[in-house]
Protein backbone atom coordinates (compact mmCIF):
# COMPACT_ATOMS: atom_id res chain seq x y z
CA TYR A 1 97.14 173.48 94.75
CA ASP A 2 95.20 175.25 92.13
CA VAL A 3 91.07 174.93 91.42
CA ARG A 4 89.35 176.76 88.89
CA ARG A 5 85.67 177.09 87.57
CA ASN A 6 85.12 178.66 83.97
CA TYR A 7 82.06 179.45 82.69
CA ARG A 8 81.41 181.26 79.32
CA ARG A 9 79.22 181.82 76.63
CA VAL A 10 79.65 180.94 72.82
CA TRP A 11 78.26 181.95 70.00
CA PHE A 12 78.62 180.80 66.01
CA ASP A 13 76.42 182.10 63.23
CA ASN A 14 77.55 181.25 59.43
CA GLU A 15 75.57 181.91 55.99
CA ARG A 16 76.51 179.65 53.05
CA GLU A 17 75.43 179.13 49.21
CA ALA A 18 76.06 176.31 47.50
CA PHE A 19 76.11 177.38 43.60
CA ASN A 20 75.21 173.83 42.35
CA ASP A 21 72.28 172.85 44.50
CA PHE A 22 69.04 174.34 42.88
CA SER A 23 66.84 172.66 45.60
CA ARG A 24 65.07 174.45 48.91
CA SER A 25 68.63 173.65 50.26
CA ARG A 26 70.55 175.60 48.25
CA PHE A 27 71.01 178.68 51.14
CA LEU A 28 71.87 177.59 54.66
CA VAL A 29 71.62 180.24 57.76
CA GLN A 30 72.75 178.94 61.13
CA ASP A 31 72.67 180.19 64.48
CA ARG A 32 74.36 178.23 67.35
CA ASP A 33 74.51 179.51 70.97
CA GLY A 34 76.05 177.35 73.79
CA GLU A 35 78.05 177.46 77.15
CA ARG A 36 81.33 175.96 78.25
CA ILE A 37 81.42 175.15 81.96
CA ASP A 38 84.73 174.28 82.86
CA ASN A 39 85.74 172.77 86.63
CA ASN A 40 89.73 172.30 87.17
CA HIS A 41 91.64 170.86 90.03
CA THR A 42 95.59 171.00 89.89
CA LEU A 43 97.82 169.49 92.21
CA LYS A 44 101.96 170.41 91.63
CA LEU A 45 104.63 169.21 94.02
CA GLY A 46 108.29 169.44 93.87
CA THR A 47 111.58 169.08 95.83
CA ASP A 48 115.15 169.70 95.01
CA TRP A 49 118.28 167.51 96.31
CA PHE A 50 121.56 169.49 96.59
CA ILE A 51 123.89 166.88 95.94
CA ASN A 52 126.71 168.73 96.27
CA LYS A 53 127.83 172.58 95.32
CA LYS A 54 127.47 171.68 91.32
CA THR A 55 124.86 168.85 91.33
CA THR A 56 121.49 169.20 91.98
CA LEU A 57 118.56 166.74 91.28
CA SER A 58 115.10 168.03 91.16
CA ILE A 59 111.75 165.89 91.36
CA GLU A 60 108.38 167.43 90.10
CA GLY A 61 104.95 166.10 90.03
CA LEU A 62 101.58 167.51 89.03
CA VAL A 63 97.67 165.64 89.14
CA GLY A 64 95.11 167.57 87.24
CA MET A 65 91.24 166.86 86.70
CA SER A 66 89.15 168.48 84.91
CA LYS A 67 85.36 168.20 84.16
CA GLN A 68 83.67 170.16 81.36
CA ASP A 69 79.85 170.57 80.36
CA GLU A 70 79.16 171.99 76.78
CA PRO A 71 75.34 172.33 76.10
CA GLU A 72 74.88 173.69 72.86
CA PHE A 73 71.63 174.84 70.67
CA LEU A 74 71.60 175.02 66.94
CA ILE A 75 69.09 176.35 64.40
CA SER A 76 69.49 175.36 60.50
CA LYS A 77 67.57 177.42 58.05
CA PHE A 78 67.64 176.41 54.60
CA GLY A 79 65.87 177.93 51.24
CA ALA A 80 65.55 177.91 47.47
CA THR A 81 66.73 181.88 47.89
CA SER A 82 68.21 183.70 50.23
CA ALA A 83 64.43 185.84 51.00
CA LEU A 84 62.63 182.08 51.12
CA MET A 85 64.25 180.14 53.85
CA ASP A 86 61.14 177.78 54.54
CA SER A 87 62.85 174.60 55.94
CA THR A 88 64.08 174.46 59.37
CA LEU A 89 66.39 172.20 61.84
CA HIS A 90 66.86 172.21 65.46
CA THR A 91 70.22 170.73 66.84
CA ASN A 92 70.66 169.83 70.52
CA ASN A 93 73.63 168.77 71.72
CA ASN A 94 74.96 167.90 75.09
CA GLU A 95 78.78 167.36 75.12
CA LYS A 96 80.45 166.23 78.10
CA GLU A 97 84.34 165.85 78.99
CA ASP A 98 86.35 164.03 81.93
CA ASN A 99 90.07 164.50 82.13
CA LEU A 100 92.68 162.89 84.20
CA THR A 101 96.68 163.63 83.84
CA PHE A 102 99.64 162.71 86.02
CA GLU A 103 102.93 164.29 85.28
CA GLY A 104 106.25 163.81 86.22
CA ALA A 105 109.73 164.69 85.78
CA LEU A 106 113.37 164.57 86.94
CA ILE A 107 115.85 167.01 86.53
CA LEU A 108 119.73 166.76 86.88
CA THR A 109 121.97 170.05 87.02
CA ARG A 110 125.66 169.52 86.76
CA LYS A 111 127.84 172.57 86.91
CA PHE A 112 132.04 171.98 86.33
CA ASN A 113 135.14 173.95 87.73
CA ARG A 114 135.43 176.05 84.30
CA LYS A 115 132.82 178.74 84.54
CA GLY A 116 130.13 178.59 82.01
CA GLN A 117 130.51 174.47 81.23
CA ARG A 118 127.06 172.99 82.46
CA LEU A 119 125.24 169.93 81.52
CA ASN A 120 121.63 169.38 82.02
CA PHE A 121 119.78 166.59 81.79
CA SER A 122 115.78 165.76 82.16
CA ILE A 123 113.31 163.40 81.33
CA SER A 124 109.07 163.51 82.01
CA ALA A 125 106.19 161.50 81.14
CA ASN A 126 102.59 162.77 80.52
CA ILE A 127 99.68 159.98 81.24
CA GLY A 128 96.60 161.42 80.26
CA SER A 129 93.21 160.06 79.63
CA GLU A 130 90.08 161.98 78.19
CA LEU A 131 86.23 160.56 77.61
CA GLU A 132 84.32 162.89 75.64
CA THR A 133 80.30 161.69 75.31
CA GLN A 134 78.02 163.57 72.99
CA ASP A 135 74.40 162.91 72.75
CA VAL A 136 72.97 164.69 70.03
CA GLN A 137 68.84 165.39 68.85
CA THR A 138 67.79 166.74 65.90
CA ASP A 139 64.60 167.94 64.90
CA ILE A 140 63.09 168.18 61.36
CA PHE A 141 60.49 170.39 60.98
CA GLU A 142 57.36 170.28 58.05
CA VAL A 143 58.33 172.65 55.70
CA GLY A 144 57.07 176.34 56.16
CA THR A 145 56.37 175.64 60.10
CA THR A 146 58.90 175.78 63.12
CA ASP A 147 56.56 173.89 65.47
CA VAL A 148 55.32 170.90 63.09
CA LEU A 149 57.81 167.91 63.44
CA ASN A 150 58.44 166.07 60.43
CA SER A 151 61.36 163.50 61.73
CA GLN A 152 63.61 163.31 64.62
CA ILE A 153 67.05 161.91 64.62
CA LEU A 154 68.72 160.76 67.73
CA GLN A 155 72.65 160.35 67.96
CA ARG A 156 75.39 159.78 70.37
CA SER A 157 79.06 159.29 70.55
CA ALA A 158 81.74 158.48 73.06
CA ASN A 159 85.45 159.07 72.40
CA ASN A 160 87.65 157.73 74.65
CA ASN A 161 91.25 159.16 74.49
CA ILE A 162 94.57 157.42 76.18
CA ASN A 163 97.65 159.59 75.96
CA ASN A 164 101.29 158.54 76.75
CA ILE A 165 103.80 161.63 75.85
CA THR A 166 107.59 161.01 77.34
CA ASN A 167 110.26 164.07 76.65
CA ILE A 168 113.88 163.05 77.29
CA GLN A 169 116.30 166.16 76.84
CA LEU A 170 120.22 166.60 77.22
CA ASP A 171 122.06 169.86 76.99
CA TYR A 172 125.91 170.58 77.33
CA ILE A 173 127.46 173.78 76.90
CA HIS A 174 131.16 173.97 76.50
CA PRO A 175 133.06 177.44 76.82
CA LEU A 176 135.93 178.11 73.95
CA GLY A 177 137.92 180.50 75.36
CA ARG A 178 136.15 183.63 76.97
CA LYS A 179 133.96 184.89 74.13
CA MET A 180 132.94 181.65 72.55
CA LYS A 181 131.26 178.51 73.52
CA LEU A 182 129.72 175.21 72.15
CA GLU A 183 125.98 174.00 72.80
CA THR A 184 125.38 170.38 71.92
CA GLY A 185 122.35 167.99 72.85
CA TYR A 186 119.81 165.61 71.94
CA LYS A 187 116.05 165.68 72.38
CA ALA A 188 113.32 162.98 71.75
CA ILE A 189 109.69 163.08 72.05
CA ILE A 190 107.60 159.60 72.32
CA ARG A 191 103.89 160.12 71.60
CA ASP A 192 101.72 157.10 71.82
CA MET A 193 98.44 157.71 71.81
CA ASN A 194 95.00 155.59 71.69
CA LEU A 195 91.65 156.50 70.51
CA ASP A 196 88.23 154.38 70.93
CA PHE A 197 85.27 156.25 68.82
CA ASP A 198 81.93 154.97 69.49
CA GLN A 199 78.71 156.02 67.88
CA GLU A 200 75.32 155.14 68.16
CA VAL A 201 72.02 155.65 66.31
CA PHE A 202 68.42 155.40 67.81
CA ASP A 203 66.37 153.18 66.13
CA GLU A 204 62.40 154.08 65.71
CA VAL A 205 61.56 150.63 65.15
CA THR A 206 62.94 148.94 68.43
CA GLN A 207 63.26 151.63 70.39
CA THR A 208 66.89 151.23 71.23
CA TYR A 209 70.37 152.73 70.22
CA GLN A 210 72.20 150.68 67.78
CA TYR A 211 75.79 150.44 67.29
CA ASP A 212 77.03 152.75 63.86
CA ALA A 213 79.83 150.46 62.35
CA THR A 214 80.33 153.19 59.67
CA LEU A 215 81.23 156.02 61.95
CA SER A 216 82.80 153.94 64.88
CA ASN A 217 86.15 153.32 64.76
CA GLU A 218 89.60 152.69 66.95
CA PHE A 219 92.52 154.63 66.12
CA LYS A 220 96.22 154.24 67.24
CA TYR A 221 98.91 157.09 66.54
CA ASP A 222 102.70 156.18 67.67
CA GLU A 223 105.38 158.92 66.78
CA GLN A 224 109.00 159.28 67.97
CA VAL A 225 110.79 162.48 67.28
CA HIS A 226 114.67 162.32 67.53
CA ALA A 227 116.82 165.19 67.29
CA ALA A 228 120.46 166.13 68.31
CA TYR A 229 122.18 169.56 67.66
CA ALA A 230 125.29 171.65 67.88
CA LEU A 231 125.01 175.46 68.10
CA PHE A 232 127.96 177.77 68.21
CA LYS A 233 127.99 181.08 69.79
CA GLY A 234 130.62 183.83 70.08
CA LYS A 235 132.55 187.03 69.11
CA LEU A 236 135.17 187.16 66.30
CA ASN A 237 136.24 190.50 67.17
CA LYS A 238 134.92 193.43 69.14
CA LYS A 239 132.64 193.94 66.10
CA ILE A 240 131.59 190.87 64.76
CA GLY A 241 129.38 188.13 66.78
CA VAL A 242 127.84 185.14 65.10
CA ASN A 243 125.58 182.14 65.84
CA PHE A 244 125.66 179.05 63.92
CA GLY A 245 123.60 176.04 64.33
CA LEU A 246 122.57 172.80 62.73
CA ARG A 247 119.58 170.51 64.07
CA ALA A 248 119.34 166.88 62.60
CA GLU A 249 115.78 165.35 63.24
CA GLN A 250 114.72 161.81 62.60
CA VAL A 251 110.66 161.35 63.05
CA LEU A 252 109.16 157.61 62.79
CA LEU A 253 105.40 157.88 62.53
CA THR A 254 102.55 154.90 62.41
CA ALA A 255 99.02 155.36 62.44
CA LYS A 256 96.35 152.78 62.59
CA SER A 257 92.81 152.91 62.07
CA ASP A 258 90.30 150.09 61.76
CA ASN A 259 88.27 151.95 58.68
CA ALA A 260 91.64 152.42 56.96
CA GLU A 261 95.13 151.22 55.65
CA PRO A 262 97.80 151.63 58.11
CA PHE A 263 100.18 154.53 57.18
CA THR A 264 103.75 155.09 58.04
CA ASN A 265 105.71 158.27 57.51
CA ASN A 266 109.18 158.60 58.55
CA TYR A 267 111.12 161.63 57.47
CA PHE A 268 114.72 163.07 58.01
CA ASN A 269 115.33 166.85 58.31
CA LEU A 270 118.28 169.28 58.90
CA PHE A 271 117.51 172.27 60.31
CA PRO A 272 119.97 175.08 59.96
CA SER A 273 120.31 178.19 61.40
CA ALA A 274 122.80 181.28 61.22
CA ARG A 275 123.00 184.93 62.76
CA ILE A 276 125.67 187.67 62.13
CA VAL A 277 125.84 190.67 64.16
CA TYR A 278 128.16 193.72 63.18
CA ASN A 279 128.30 196.19 65.92
CA VAL A 280 128.96 199.92 64.63
CA ARG A 281 129.32 201.20 68.11
CA LYS A 282 127.45 200.75 71.97
CA GLY A 283 123.63 200.54 71.22
CA GLU A 284 124.16 200.39 67.51
CA PHE A 285 124.15 197.05 65.37
CA PHE A 286 122.91 195.52 62.35
CA LYS A 287 122.04 191.99 61.88
CA VAL A 288 121.38 189.16 59.42
CA SER A 289 119.41 186.00 60.09
CA TYR A 290 118.62 182.74 58.45
CA SER A 291 116.66 179.80 59.66
CA LYS A 292 114.91 176.65 59.13
CA ARG A 293 111.80 175.78 61.27
CA ILE A 294 109.17 172.69 61.53
CA ARG A 295 105.60 173.22 62.68
CA ARG A 296 103.82 169.85 63.66
CA PRO A 297 100.22 169.51 63.16
CA ARG A 298 98.59 169.34 66.82
CA PHE A 299 96.93 165.73 67.73
CA ARG A 300 93.35 167.32 67.01
CA LEU A 301 94.00 168.02 63.66
CA LEU A 302 95.13 164.26 63.33
CA ASN A 303 92.00 162.82 64.97
CA PRO A 304 89.83 161.03 61.94
CA PHE A 305 86.76 160.91 63.83
CA ARG A 306 83.55 163.38 62.89
CA ASP A 307 82.14 165.88 65.23
CA ILE A 308 77.98 164.77 64.79
CA SER A 309 77.10 168.42 66.21
CA ASN A 310 76.62 170.31 63.03
CA PRO A 311 74.76 167.86 60.56
CA ASN A 312 75.50 170.23 57.86
CA ASN A 313 78.61 171.44 58.53
CA ILE A 314 81.29 168.53 59.59
CA ARG A 315 84.58 168.72 61.14
CA VAL A 316 86.69 165.92 60.92
CA GLY A 317 90.59 165.44 61.32
CA ASN A 318 93.58 164.07 58.70
CA PRO A 319 95.64 161.24 60.22
CA GLU A 320 98.10 161.63 57.13
CA LEU A 321 98.76 165.28 57.83
CA GLY A 322 102.34 166.21 57.70
CA PRO A 323 104.40 168.95 59.18
CA GLU A 324 105.00 172.49 57.83
CA LEU A 325 108.62 173.31 57.06
CA THR A 326 109.32 177.63 57.13
CA HIS A 327 112.52 179.14 55.84
CA SER A 328 113.21 182.39 57.43
CA ALA A 329 115.49 185.11 56.48
CA GLU A 330 115.57 188.68 58.10
CA ILE A 331 117.89 191.54 57.93
CA GLY A 332 117.98 194.06 60.86
CA TYR A 333 118.93 197.38 62.57
CA ASN A 334 119.24 198.27 66.39
CA LYS A 335 119.63 201.49 67.96
CA VAL A 336 119.46 202.44 71.23
CA TRP A 337 119.44 205.63 72.85
CA SER A 338 119.25 206.50 76.76
CA LYS A 339 115.61 206.08 77.20
CA PHE A 340 114.51 204.38 73.65
CA SER A 341 115.36 201.75 71.00
CA PHE A 342 114.34 201.50 67.38
CA ILE A 343 114.00 198.13 66.04
CA PRO A 344 113.36 197.68 62.09
CA SER A 345 113.63 194.76 60.09
CA LEU A 346 113.11 193.23 56.89
CA PHE A 347 111.73 189.79 56.34
CA TYR A 348 111.19 186.85 54.29
CA ARG A 349 109.23 183.36 54.76
CA HIS A 350 108.56 180.63 52.96
CA THR A 351 106.50 177.85 53.91
CA THR A 352 105.77 174.38 52.19
CA ASN A 353 103.22 171.91 53.38
CA VAL A 354 101.11 174.44 54.58
CA ILE A 355 98.15 173.34 57.00
CA GLN A 356 95.17 174.90 56.73
CA ARG A 357 91.27 173.63 57.22
CA PHE A 358 89.84 173.07 53.50
CA THR A 359 86.34 172.64 52.88
CA GLU A 360 84.73 170.70 50.08
CA GLN A 361 80.78 169.28 49.47
CA ASP A 362 79.99 165.93 50.45
CA PRO A 363 79.36 164.14 47.27
CA ASN A 364 76.49 162.04 48.53
CA ASP A 365 74.56 164.83 50.18
CA PRO A 366 74.68 168.52 48.60
CA THR A 367 73.43 169.87 51.90
CA VAL A 368 76.18 168.69 53.51
CA PHE A 369 79.95 170.47 53.63
CA ILE A 370 83.04 168.50 55.34
CA ARG A 371 85.98 170.63 56.50
CA ARG A 372 89.27 168.96 57.44
CA PRO A 373 92.80 169.96 57.57
CA VAL A 374 95.15 169.55 54.35
CA ASN A 375 98.60 170.23 53.66
CA LEU A 376 98.34 172.99 51.08
CA GLY A 377 101.55 173.83 48.72
CA THR A 378 103.07 176.89 49.69
CA ALA A 379 102.86 180.28 51.77
CA THR A 380 105.05 183.35 51.27
CA GLU A 381 105.43 186.23 53.36
CA TYR A 382 107.47 189.23 53.16
CA GLY A 383 107.54 192.57 54.58
CA VAL A 384 108.81 194.86 56.99
CA GLU A 385 108.14 195.03 60.80
CA MET A 386 108.99 197.99 63.01
CA ILE A 387 109.69 198.02 67.20
CA VAL A 388 109.79 200.68 69.42
CA VAL A 389 111.08 200.39 72.90
CA GLY A 390 110.59 203.02 75.71
CA SER A 391 111.16 203.77 79.17
CA VAL A 392 109.66 207.31 79.43
CA THR A 393 110.01 207.72 82.99
CA LYS A 394 110.86 205.43 86.10
CA TRP A 395 107.52 204.46 86.61
CA TRP A 396 106.67 204.28 83.08
CA ASP A 397 107.66 201.98 79.59
CA PHE A 398 106.26 200.55 76.78
CA ASN A 399 106.71 197.96 73.85
CA ALA A 400 105.23 198.83 70.14
CA SER A 401 105.36 197.03 66.99
CA TYR A 402 103.93 197.25 63.91
CA ALA A 403 104.39 194.65 60.89
CA PHE A 404 103.23 195.52 57.05
CA PHE A 405 103.74 192.26 54.70
CA ASN A 406 102.37 190.79 51.46
CA ARG A 407 100.92 187.05 51.79
CA GLU A 408 100.78 184.59 49.16
CA ILE A 409 99.25 180.82 49.38
CA ASP A 410 99.89 178.56 46.26
CA ALA A 411 97.26 175.80 46.79
CA ARG A 412 97.24 174.16 43.47
CA ASN A 413 97.98 170.47 44.98
CA ALA A 414 94.43 170.89 46.39
CA GLU A 415 92.37 172.88 43.36
CA THR A 416 93.44 173.84 39.95
CA ASP A 417 94.99 177.31 39.79
CA LEU A 418 94.09 178.36 43.31
CA ILE A 419 96.37 180.92 44.06
CA THR A 420 95.84 183.63 46.43
CA SER A 421 97.45 186.89 48.04
CA ASN A 422 96.67 190.14 49.55
CA THR A 423 98.87 192.93 51.59
CA SER A 424 98.22 193.00 55.74
CA TRP A 425 99.22 194.36 58.53
CA ASN A 426 99.65 193.74 62.40
CA ALA A 427 100.42 195.99 65.43
CA LYS A 428 100.96 195.45 69.00
CA LEU A 429 101.29 197.65 72.18
CA GLN A 430 101.90 196.98 75.91
CA SER A 431 102.41 199.49 78.43
CA ASN A 432 103.44 199.47 82.10
CA TRP A 433 102.98 201.60 84.64
CA LYS A 434 104.88 201.09 88.22
CA LEU A 435 102.64 202.60 90.94
CA GLY A 436 104.99 201.41 93.64
CA LYS A 437 107.59 198.90 94.50
CA ARG A 438 105.31 195.77 94.26
CA THR A 439 102.46 197.38 92.35
CA SER A 440 102.05 197.54 88.88
CA LEU A 441 99.35 198.29 85.94
CA GLN A 442 99.59 196.63 82.20
CA LEU A 443 97.51 197.50 79.14
CA THR A 444 98.17 195.71 76.48
CA GLY A 445 96.42 195.74 72.53
CA ASN A 446 96.74 194.01 69.60
CA TYR A 447 95.06 194.20 66.33
CA ARG A 448 95.41 191.65 62.89
CA ALA A 449 94.40 193.00 59.92
CA PRO A 450 92.09 190.87 57.17
CA ILE A 451 94.51 188.12 55.93
CA VAL A 452 94.35 185.76 52.98
CA ARG A 453 93.30 182.10 53.09
CA ALA A 454 93.27 178.94 50.64
CA GLN A 455 89.41 179.44 50.27
CA GLY A 456 89.02 183.22 51.27
CA MET A 457 89.90 185.65 54.14
CA ARG A 458 90.17 185.70 57.79
CA ARG A 459 88.54 188.57 59.20
CA ALA A 460 89.95 191.43 61.59
CA PHE A 461 91.20 190.42 64.90
CA TYR A 462 91.72 192.97 67.64
CA SER A 463 91.38 193.00 71.70
CA LEU A 464 92.34 195.34 74.55
CA ASN A 465 93.41 194.21 78.08
CA LEU A 466 94.08 195.64 81.23
CA GLY A 467 96.10 193.92 84.27
CA PHE A 468 96.71 195.05 87.73
CA ARG A 469 99.12 193.24 89.99
CA HIS A 470 100.33 194.05 93.69
CA SER A 471 102.91 191.89 95.70
CA PHE A 472 103.17 191.42 99.69
CA TRP A 473 104.42 189.05 102.14
CA ASN A 474 107.74 189.34 100.83
CA LYS A 475 106.66 189.04 97.14
CA ARG A 476 105.68 185.46 98.25
CA ALA A 477 101.96 186.47 97.88
CA THR A 478 100.31 188.13 94.93
CA PHE A 479 97.36 189.78 94.42
CA GLY A 480 95.92 189.98 90.50
CA LEU A 481 93.55 191.54 88.70
CA VAL A 482 92.96 191.22 84.83
CA PHE A 483 89.94 193.12 82.28
CA SER A 484 90.31 190.93 79.35
CA ASP A 485 88.77 192.17 76.17
CA ILE A 486 87.63 195.34 77.36
CA PHE A 487 85.39 196.58 74.10
CA ASP A 488 84.19 192.71 73.61
CA THR A 489 85.39 192.91 70.26
CA ARG A 490 87.33 189.49 70.37
CA GLU A 491 85.93 187.22 67.73
CA PHE A 492 87.24 185.04 64.75
CA GLY A 493 85.70 185.87 61.41
CA PHE A 494 86.04 184.55 57.86
CA ASP A 495 84.33 184.87 54.15
CA SER A 496 84.90 181.83 51.83
CA PHE A 497 84.55 182.13 48.13
CA THR A 498 85.16 179.44 45.51
CA ASP A 499 83.53 178.33 42.32
CA ASP A 500 81.06 175.77 44.61
CA PHE A 501 80.10 178.14 47.11
CA THR A 502 80.23 180.83 49.44
CA SER A 503 80.43 181.03 52.82
CA SER A 504 80.81 183.85 55.71
CA GLY A 505 80.66 183.16 59.92
CA ARG A 506 81.58 184.49 63.15
CA TYR A 507 82.70 182.34 65.89
CA LYS A 508 82.80 184.38 69.39
CA ARG A 509 83.55 183.04 72.74
CA GLU A 510 82.72 185.30 75.92
CA SER A 511 85.94 187.33 76.44
CA GLN A 512 84.96 190.07 78.26
CA ILE A 513 86.20 189.02 81.71
CA ILE A 514 87.15 189.87 84.90
CA ARG A 515 89.81 187.79 86.42
CA VAL A 516 90.87 188.07 90.04
CA ASN A 517 93.41 185.74 91.67
CA LEU A 518 95.39 185.28 94.84
CA THR A 519 98.48 183.04 94.81
CA TYR A 520 101.18 182.14 97.18
CA GLN A 521 104.62 180.68 96.50
CA ILE A 522 106.10 177.98 98.79
CA GLY A 523 109.70 177.10 98.03
CA LYS A 524 111.18 177.71 94.40
CA ARG A 525 109.07 177.76 91.15
CA PHE A 526 108.99 174.76 89.02
CA LYS A 527 112.10 174.09 86.53
CA THR A 528 110.47 172.19 83.84
CA SER A 529 107.47 172.97 81.36
CA ILE A 530 104.70 170.83 83.39
CA LYS A 531 101.16 172.17 82.15
CA LYS A 532 99.09 174.42 83.90
CA GLY A 533 95.41 173.46 84.52
CA GLY A 534 96.30 169.64 84.05
CA GLY A 535 97.57 169.34 80.84
CA LYS A 536 94.36 169.27 79.21
CA ARG A 537 93.92 169.86 75.56
CA ARG A 538 90.91 172.04 74.66
CA ARG A 539 89.38 171.96 71.48
CA ARG A 540 88.54 175.37 69.87
CA ARG A 541 85.49 174.96 67.52
CA ARG A 542 85.33 176.98 64.38
């Protein structure tokens, strides 16, 4: 059983200039201050039945409940010039969420007489409901004042979300001699999601809330993913090892909405992979690899309903969003000494149907900008990565990496001549100290340099964390202490520049936090990926 209560503050600031707006709303400055109060309860249960020495049946279950309160206050200032911001809006948004999740899993493991031969079967089902409500009050003040009310807009919405997700997986491993094996399998993901969105606007004449049929909507999304794979692994001789695989995937997708035509997207893909390793000598080898991967859009990006918390910067999903497809190639080298390892590599990645949020001005209202995810053209990255792994002493080891690369985005399908590129780099460090047989200390840091996006740049992102861990009672009990974002630097920032507008902003959640946890393990750990925190899907604001 796990119970958690989290409290965080969030901040957002944004500045924008619309080049084709010559009114007093040409410039916009926004500051948002909010809170996130989470209360989560999770109960997990599991049991193993050892049918015989080679067959095990496991049953696991989870029940999760969570409540979130997310009040926030937004100040919006407009002006004809950046020096004269004389129009003001105040927006109060009281948002609440209630989540309930049930999840169960059945896992069958079968071993055979032949060493390495194995069969695994699992089926899991997740049933979740989420009710999200918003009460929004927008106060519009007289020009040049912040205390003389001109008008007021009251809105409220309710978003009821019911999700059913089923996973079926079958994996079989068959040895082919002493140094080779064949892995085959099948996996199905079936998602059935129903959203009912109702919005109401307060009518000053009747003094009641009136149903808004233009924005209210019902959305149904059904997706089936069926995939089969075969993977060959082995050593051809003492020097050469190979890994060849192929996954075939069929997707059946339908989406229905009250305010749009039904959408169907059925597609088939093949995903090959290959890896060849040449061993020069013990502790030294070269490798060449290729793979094709897919990244499907998260459901929050597909949700077509508008977020009404910010009347001048509206976020909306795109139910016709397709998956990203990435071709990756890598050439690497690995050298191991007694205490250190050095792993440099060259890489190339080419992605089609790149998913990024795209901002456009509302043609009916120049003060409103709409931000939605779209499939852009392509993104290409190539560069070098270096990894160093070291065991300095028996009580100190570390892992450090650095990547330097070029990125180019071709988004001419969204806007004429929209091609952007830049060079960027990332660095990570993890250092571990053993303070005893059961006590350890860990320092982790990461830095991601500014990187190009279709309509601008994402600013640098960096943080440093410190963790402490001590186990006792025969290692069944663990005490943990984590100090995240020691220097309070973790935030998301962006700069956008197009022919129609420029915009810059910063989003920050309270991240300088000390967490203390105490856990005690009864029996074995869970075998499947039953989600922590009740399977709750958090929506990150931008």
